[in-house]
């Protein structure tokens, strides 16, 4: 297994209040990239929200391959959004991409 740092972009189509953002960040905390060397060095936040309503979720996942890691990260992001009361219409996600691979090499 390899630890991947995955970025998943999205958009809050109806905005998101501070409480909703905080709930989303709490739901994402177990996969916070700061747990990895890369996330710590790059100071990657688990949730970044821009003024225009776009956001990026950055997660760490353990997987055997890049595509598996991307799929796991997307499912984690969707689950966290649901926990925060947001569905795919209020916060659609873009494609998950590998931001980095945590390695001691």
Protein backbone atom coordinates (compact mmCIF):
# COMPACT_ATOMS: atom_id res chain seq x y z
CA UNK A 1 0.00 0.00 0.00
CA UNK A 2 1.07 3.54 -0.76
CA UNK A 3 -0.13 6.74 0.87
CA UNK A 4 -1.40 9.24 -1.69
CA UNK A 5 -2.34 12.88 -1.27
CA UNK A 6 -5.36 13.51 -3.50
CA UNK A 7 -7.00 16.83 -4.44
CA UNK A 8 -10.70 16.94 -5.27
CA UNK A 9 -12.05 20.26 -6.58
CA UNK A 10 -15.65 21.36 -6.25
CA UNK A 11 -18.06 24.28 -6.24
CA UNK A 12 -20.59 25.43 -3.69
CA UNK A 13 -23.42 26.33 -6.09
CA UNK A 14 -25.55 27.95 -3.38
CA UNK A 15 -22.74 29.12 -1.13
CA UNK A 16 -21.80 27.52 2.17
CA UNK A 17 -22.13 29.13 5.58
CA UNK A 18 -19.24 29.09 8.04
CA UNK A 19 -20.96 26.38 10.11
CA UNK A 20 -21.33 24.15 7.05
CA UNK A 21 -17.67 24.66 6.14
CA UNK A 22 -16.61 23.85 9.70
CA UNK A 23 -18.73 20.67 9.70
CA UNK A 24 -17.19 19.65 6.36
CA UNK A 25 -13.67 20.25 7.67
CA UNK A 26 -14.45 18.14 10.78
CA UNK A 27 -15.77 15.31 8.60
CA UNK A 28 -12.59 15.42 6.50
CA UNK A 29 -10.17 15.61 9.45
CA UNK A 30 -9.36 11.85 9.59
CA UNK A 31 -7.87 12.11 6.08
CA UNK A 32 -6.01 15.41 6.72
CA UNK A 33 -2.85 15.59 4.55
CA UNK A 34 -0.89 17.08 7.47
CA UNK A 35 -0.51 13.46 8.64
CA UNK A 36 1.98 12.96 5.80
CA UNK A 37 5.44 14.37 5.21
CA UNK A 38 4.30 15.99 1.96
CA UNK A 39 1.22 17.58 3.52
CA UNK A 40 3.24 18.93 6.40
CA UNK A 41 6.05 20.29 4.19
CA UNK A 42 3.65 21.87 1.70
CA UNK A 43 1.22 23.01 4.44
CA UNK A 44 -1.73 21.45 2.62
CA UNK A 45 -5.06 22.25 4.24
CA UNK A 46 -7.79 19.63 4.14
CA UNK A 47 -10.27 22.24 2.84
CA UNK A 48 -9.58 25.45 0.92
CA UNK A 49 -12.52 27.66 -0.11
CA UNK A 50 -12.13 30.52 -2.57
CA UNK A 51 -14.20 33.73 -2.72
CA UNK A 52 -16.01 32.54 -5.85
CA UNK A 53 -17.42 29.44 -4.12
CA UNK A 54 -14.95 26.98 -5.57
CA UNK A 55 -13.13 24.73 -3.14
CA UNK A 56 -10.48 22.06 -2.98
CA UNK A 57 -10.47 19.09 -0.64
CA UNK A 58 -7.06 17.50 -0.03
CA UNK A 59 -7.02 14.03 1.47
CA UNK A 60 -4.63 11.23 2.25
CA UNK A 61 -5.64 7.72 1.31
CA UNK A 62 -3.84 4.40 1.34
CA UNK A 63 -4.23 2.42 -1.86
CA UNK A 64 -2.47 -0.02 -4.16
CA UNK A 65 -2.74 2.24 -7.23
CA UNK A 66 -3.39 5.82 -8.29
CA UNK A 67 -6.85 5.14 -9.73
CA UNK A 68 -7.86 3.30 -6.54
CA UNK A 69 -6.60 6.25 -4.45
CA UNK A 70 -8.54 8.75 -6.57
CA UNK A 71 -11.73 6.70 -6.20
CA UNK A 72 -11.31 6.39 -2.42
CA UNK A 73 -10.68 10.13 -2.07
CA UNK A 74 -13.76 11.00 -4.11
CA UNK A 75 -15.92 8.70 -1.97
CA UNK A 76 -14.47 10.25 1.22
CA UNK A 77 -15.18 13.76 -0.09
CA UNK A 78 -18.76 12.82 -1.08
CA UNK A 79 -19.36 11.27 2.33
CA UNK A 80 -18.00 14.35 4.15
CA UNK A 81 -20.17 16.64 2.03
CA UNK A 82 -23.22 14.53 2.87
CA UNK A 83 -22.32 14.72 6.58
CA UNK A 84 -22.26 18.52 6.23
CA UNK A 85 -25.70 18.44 4.59
CA UNK A 86 -24.50 19.05 1.03
CA UNK A 87 -25.40 16.90 -1.96
CA UNK A 88 -24.02 16.67 -5.49
CA UNK A 89 -26.27 19.50 -6.67
CA UNK A 90 -25.20 21.97 -3.96
CA UNK A 91 -21.51 20.96 -4.07
CA UNK A 92 -20.61 19.13 -7.29
CA UNK A 93 -17.11 17.66 -7.40
CA UNK A 94 -14.61 17.69 -10.22
CA UNK A 95 -12.15 14.92 -11.03
CA UNK A 96 -9.85 13.72 -8.26
CA UNK A 97 -6.15 14.06 -9.01
CA UNK A 98 -3.00 12.84 -7.31
CA UNK A 99 -1.24 15.77 -5.67
CA UNK A 100 1.59 13.69 -4.26
CA UNK A 101 2.78 10.36 -2.98
CA UNK A 102 4.05 10.21 0.59
CA UNK A 103 7.38 8.45 0.56
CA UNK A 104 10.54 8.31 2.60
CA UNK A 105 12.63 8.15 -0.59
